[in-house]
Amino acid sequence: MNEIHHGDTETETRREIWARKPQIRLVYERWARRIRPFVPDGVMLEVGSGSGLTRDLFPRAILSDILHASWLDAAADCLRLPFRTGSLGCVLVFDTLHHTADPHVFLREAARVLRPGGRIILVEPFITPVSFAGYKLLHHEDVCFASYQKPAPGGDKTDAWQGNLAMANIVFRRQAREWPQRQPSLRIVHQSLMSFFDFQLAAGFKPHAYLPMCLFRRAVRLDDWLGFAMPFAAFRIFIVLEKKSAAT
């Protein structure tokens, strides 16, 4: 859910918009309903919590980000999580994987802190023909299929805060055959494409929405009926990864 630096006023702005904009709350509530059946027992950690909005969706989750804020529970670099090996039941990831310099390093670290049978649950941007046009026109982050992150201007060093909206396409589609070698301790137990109308009609975290709540509530139901169109039109992917037992 975090796409910003904590030092920015954007963090507080998002919290204010969340509090007074029911459309964006409904979007995330719908996503949370998809997620809950896949949540295992045990402690849940969210990485990249940013504005801390997940507290309303998963009240018992430990919220963390790379820098501390008063509404978060922990300061934690997602590549070096300050938790014991095998101590957590779930790692929740809203819009954080596509900011990492190397997604597989993060996934291996998340797998380390999970108990066997624990899960990494991700909701990430995904590139389809429709979302490619939407993201290119309306979003500030890169769409790059050539590397995990586009090199920063003037040098080879990648800005770790810059997001690549094609990250999930690379990791879960282009590298699918390499998954057993790259992530031997994790299995993919679910993946589905979603979010054609919902986040877009809500205008994301902008102060306005494109529809009043009475109409928005009805319009977002179209996403439930358009599963067949998601390979062409989805803006998000929902992934569940499960840590294998030692005997597997």
Protein backbone atom coordinates (compact mmCIF):
# COMPACT_ATOMS: atom_id res chain seq x y z
CA MET A 1 0.00 0.00 0.00
CA ASN A 2 3.05 2.23 0.32
CA GLU A 3 4.59 3.91 -2.74
CA ILE A 4 6.23 6.88 -1.03
CA HIS A 5 8.92 8.05 1.34
CA HIS A 6 7.86 8.54 4.92
CA GLY A 7 9.36 12.01 4.88
CA ASP A 8 6.82 13.14 2.33
CA THR A 9 3.55 14.78 3.26
CA GLU A 10 1.97 12.21 0.92
CA THR A 11 1.85 9.74 3.80
CA GLU A 12 -0.37 11.95 5.90
CA THR A 13 -2.40 12.92 2.85
CA ARG A 14 -3.20 9.29 2.17
CA ARG A 15 -4.33 8.78 5.73
CA GLU A 16 -6.64 11.78 5.45
CA ILE A 17 -8.07 10.60 2.12
CA TRP A 18 -8.60 7.10 3.54
CA ALA A 19 -10.55 8.56 6.46
CA ARG A 20 -12.95 10.62 4.35
CA LYS A 21 -13.19 8.73 1.05
CA PRO A 22 -15.40 5.61 1.27
CA GLN A 23 -14.67 4.56 -2.31
CA ILE A 24 -11.01 3.76 -1.64
CA ARG A 25 -11.88 2.00 1.61
CA LEU A 26 -14.36 -0.19 -0.25
CA VAL A 27 -11.70 -1.15 -2.81
CA TYR A 28 -9.33 -2.42 -0.13
CA GLU A 29 -12.14 -4.06 1.82
CA ARG A 30 -13.03 -6.04 -1.31
CA TRP A 31 -9.41 -7.07 -1.73
CA ALA A 32 -9.23 -8.06 1.94
CA ARG A 33 -12.24 -10.35 1.47
CA ARG A 34 -10.32 -12.16 -1.29
CA ILE A 35 -7.29 -12.49 0.96
CA ARG A 36 -8.85 -13.70 4.23
CA PRO A 37 -9.61 -17.28 3.11
CA PHE A 38 -5.91 -17.75 2.38
CA VAL A 39 -4.57 -16.35 5.67
CA PRO A 40 -3.07 -19.14 7.82
CA ASP A 41 -2.84 -19.27 11.59
CA GLY A 42 -0.01 -17.42 13.26
CA VAL A 43 1.36 -13.90 13.44
CA MET A 44 0.80 -11.70 10.37
CA LEU A 45 3.42 -9.15 9.35
CA GLU A 46 2.79 -6.53 6.71
CA VAL A 47 5.88 -5.12 5.03
CA GLY A 48 5.80 -1.74 3.32
CA SER A 49 2.85 -0.59 5.42
CA GLY A 50 3.46 3.08 4.65
CA SER A 51 0.40 5.00 5.76
CA GLY A 52 -0.72 2.15 8.00
CA LEU A 53 -4.13 1.76 6.39
CA THR A 54 -4.07 -2.03 6.65
CA ARG A 55 -4.83 -1.64 10.36
CA ASP A 56 -8.51 -1.24 9.43
CA LEU A 57 -8.45 -4.44 7.34
CA PHE A 58 -6.30 -6.75 9.47
CA PRO A 59 -6.32 -5.27 13.00
CA ARG A 60 -3.96 -7.88 14.48
CA ALA A 61 -1.25 -7.51 11.84
CA ILE A 62 2.17 -6.13 12.74
CA LEU A 63 2.65 -3.12 10.48
CA SER A 64 6.18 -2.30 9.37
CA ASP A 65 8.07 -0.10 6.96
CA ILE A 66 11.67 0.85 6.39
CA LEU A 67 11.28 3.98 8.54
CA HIS A 68 9.18 4.21 11.65
CA ALA A 69 6.00 6.26 12.01
CA SER A 70 3.70 6.62 14.99
CA TRP A 71 0.99 4.44 13.42
CA LEU A 72 3.39 1.57 12.64
CA ASP A 73 4.57 -1.21 14.93
CA ALA A 74 8.11 -1.70 13.64
CA ALA A 75 10.81 -0.25 11.42
CA ALA A 76 11.99 -3.08 9.17
CA ASP A 77 13.92 -3.35 5.92
CA CYS A 78 12.04 -5.98 3.89
CA LEU A 79 15.40 -7.45 2.78
CA ARG A 80 16.56 -7.93 6.41
CA LEU A 81 13.49 -8.59 8.53
CA PRO A 82 14.09 -8.39 12.31
CA PHE A 83 12.18 -11.60 13.07
CA ARG A 84 13.34 -15.07 14.03
CA THR A 85 13.45 -17.81 11.44
CA GLY A 86 10.14 -19.66 11.35
CA SER A 87 8.39 -17.26 13.72
CA LEU A 88 5.55 -15.91 11.55
CA GLY A 89 2.44 -17.34 9.95
CA CYS A 90 1.92 -14.78 7.19
CA VAL A 91 3.72 -11.96 5.39
CA LEU A 92 1.31 -9.55 3.74
CA VAL A 93 2.45 -7.40 0.83
CA PHE A 94 0.38 -4.61 -0.71
CA ASP A 95 2.26 -2.85 -3.53
CA THR A 96 5.75 -3.38 -2.13
CA LEU A 97 7.34 -6.12 -4.25
CA HIS A 98 7.56 -3.82 -7.27
CA HIS A 99 9.72 -1.38 -5.28
CA THR A 100 12.41 -3.92 -4.35
CA ALA A 101 15.78 -3.90 -6.08
CA ASP A 102 15.66 -7.72 -6.30
CA PRO A 103 12.26 -9.32 -5.63
CA HIS A 104 13.71 -12.80 -5.13
CA VAL A 105 15.96 -11.60 -2.30
CA PHE A 106 12.88 -10.23 -0.58
CA LEU A 107 10.85 -13.40 -1.17
CA ARG A 108 13.64 -15.58 0.25
CA GLU A 109 13.84 -13.35 3.32
CA ALA A 110 10.07 -13.46 3.77
CA ALA A 111 10.19 -17.26 3.45
CA ARG A 112 12.90 -17.40 6.12
CA VAL A 113 10.71 -15.82 8.80
CA LEU A 114 7.70 -18.04 7.97
CA ARG A 115 6.95 -21.34 9.67
CA PRO A 116 6.35 -24.32 7.36
CA GLY A 117 2.89 -23.85 5.88
CA GLY A 118 3.12 -20.08 6.39
CA ARG A 119 2.23 -17.87 3.47
CA ILE A 120 3.32 -14.74 1.62
CA ILE A 121 0.23 -12.94 0.30
CA LEU A 122 0.77 -10.29 -2.35
CA VAL A 123 -1.39 -7.80 -4.24
CA GLU A 124 0.70 -6.10 -6.89
CA PRO A 125 0.32 -4.08 -10.11
CA PHE A 126 0.14 -6.21 -13.24
CA ILE A 127 0.54 -5.29 -16.89
CA THR A 128 -2.18 -6.26 -19.36
CA PRO A 129 -3.01 -4.47 -22.63
CA VAL A 130 -5.49 -2.20 -20.86
CA SER A 131 -3.45 -1.57 -17.71
CA PHE A 132 -0.32 -0.84 -19.77
CA ALA A 133 -2.08 2.10 -21.38
CA GLY A 134 -3.58 3.24 -18.09
CA TYR A 135 -0.34 3.03 -16.14
CA LYS A 136 1.71 4.73 -18.87
CA LEU A 137 -0.74 7.60 -19.14
CA LEU A 138 -1.73 8.10 -15.53
CA HIS A 139 1.01 6.72 -13.28
CA HIS A 140 4.44 8.07 -12.38
CA GLU A 141 6.23 4.72 -11.99
CA ASP A 142 8.11 2.86 -14.72
CA VAL A 143 6.90 -0.07 -16.78
CA CYS A 144 10.12 -1.93 -17.53
CA PHE A 145 10.40 -5.54 -18.75
CA ALA A 146 14.16 -5.45 -19.32
CA SER A 147 15.21 -5.46 -15.65
CA TYR A 148 13.77 -5.46 -12.14
CA GLN A 149 14.28 -1.72 -11.84
CA LYS A 150 15.12 0.84 -14.47
CA PRO A 151 18.63 2.25 -13.86
CA ALA A 152 18.67 5.73 -12.40
CA PRO A 153 19.55 8.53 -14.86
CA GLY A 154 23.25 9.24 -15.09
CA GLY A 155 24.49 5.94 -13.69
CA ASP A 156 24.00 2.24 -13.20
CA LYS A 157 22.82 2.45 -9.61
CA THR A 158 19.13 1.65 -9.27
CA ASP A 159 16.97 3.84 -7.05
CA ALA A 160 15.49 1.30 -4.65
CA TRP A 161 12.47 3.55 -4.07
CA GLN A 162 11.53 3.64 -7.74
CA GLY A 163 8.84 1.16 -8.65
CA ASN A 164 8.59 -1.05 -11.72
CA LEU A 165 4.95 -1.82 -12.45
CA ALA A 166 5.95 -4.82 -14.58
CA MET A 167 7.71 -6.58 -11.68
CA ALA A 168 4.98 -9.17 -11.07
CA ASN A 169 4.85 -9.96 -14.80
CA ILE A 170 8.58 -10.68 -14.73
CA VAL A 171 8.63 -12.72 -11.51
CA PHE A 172 5.43 -14.74 -11.86
CA ARG A 173 5.06 -15.07 -15.63
CA ARG A 174 8.36 -14.62 -17.47
CA GLN A 175 10.34 -16.46 -14.78
CA ALA A 176 7.66 -19.07 -14.03
CA ARG A 177 9.76 -21.98 -15.31
CA GLU A 178 12.66 -20.86 -13.12
CA TRP A 179 10.57 -20.74 -9.95
CA PRO A 180 11.75 -24.07 -8.43
CA GLN A 181 15.37 -22.98 -8.77
CA ARG A 182 14.88 -19.39 -7.63
CA GLN A 183 12.51 -20.15 -4.73
CA PRO A 184 12.95 -23.80 -3.72
CA SER A 185 11.22 -23.30 -0.35
CA LEU A 186 8.06 -21.70 -1.77
CA ARG A 187 5.17 -23.03 -3.81
CA ILE A 188 2.59 -20.91 -5.62
CA VAL A 189 -0.81 -21.98 -4.27
CA HIS A 190 -2.96 -19.29 -5.88
CA GLN A 191 -2.72 -16.57 -8.48
CA SER A 192 -5.49 -14.56 -10.09
CA LEU A 193 -5.87 -11.31 -11.97
CA MET A 194 -8.25 -8.65 -10.67
CA SER A 195 -9.10 -4.97 -10.45
CA PHE A 196 -10.36 -3.54 -13.71
CA PHE A 197 -12.86 -0.97 -12.47
CA ASP A 198 -12.46 -0.67 -8.69
CA PHE A 199 -9.22 1.21 -7.94
CA GLN A 200 -9.43 3.11 -11.20
CA LEU A 201 -13.00 4.36 -10.67
CA ALA A 202 -12.03 5.34 -7.13
CA ALA A 203 -9.23 7.49 -8.65
CA GLY A 204 -6.82 5.79 -6.27
CA PHE A 205 -5.64 8.04 -3.48
CA LYS A 206 -6.62 11.26 -5.20
CA PRO A 207 -9.05 13.41 -3.19
CA HIS A 208 -11.86 12.83 -5.68
CA ALA A 209 -13.55 9.73 -7.10
CA TYR A 210 -15.10 9.35 -10.53
CA LEU A 211 -18.43 8.16 -9.14
CA PRO A 212 -20.44 9.00 -6.02
CA MET A 213 -20.53 6.20 -3.48
CA CYS A 214 -24.10 5.13 -4.32
CA LEU A 215 -23.06 4.40 -7.92
CA PHE A 216 -19.53 3.28 -7.13
CA ARG A 217 -20.77 0.46 -4.90
CA ARG A 218 -22.69 -0.98 -7.86
CA ALA A 219 -20.04 -0.32 -10.49
CA VAL A 220 -17.25 -2.20 -8.69
CA ARG A 221 -19.36 -5.36 -8.78
CA LEU A 222 -18.58 -5.50 -12.49
CA ASP A 223 -15.13 -6.75 -11.51
CA ASP A 224 -16.80 -9.83 -9.99
CA TRP A 225 -18.55 -10.62 -13.29
CA LEU A 226 -15.67 -9.92 -15.66
CA GLY A 227 -13.21 -12.61 -14.68
CA PHE A 228 -13.00 -13.75 -18.29
CA ALA A 229 -11.72 -10.27 -19.28
CA MET A 230 -9.04 -9.96 -16.63
CA PRO A 231 -6.17 -11.39 -18.75
CA PHE A 232 -6.80 -8.47 -21.09
CA ALA A 233 -7.87 -5.74 -18.64
CA ALA A 234 -6.71 -6.40 -15.06
CA PHE A 235 -4.60 -3.85 -13.22
CA ARG A 236 -3.57 -6.16 -10.33
CA ILE A 237 -2.45 -9.67 -9.56
CA PHE A 238 -3.22 -11.57 -6.35
CA ILE A 239 -0.59 -14.17 -5.42
CA VAL A 240 -0.36 -16.62 -2.51
CA LEU A 241 2.95 -18.37 -1.84
CA GLU A 242 3.28 -21.13 0.75
CA LYS A 243 6.42 -22.24 2.54
CA LYS A 244 7.10 -25.93 2.05
CA SER A 245 7.72 -28.27 4.95
CA ALA A 246 11.26 -29.55 5.40
CA ALA A 247 10.18 -32.99 4.16
CA THR A 248 8.70 -31.65 0.89
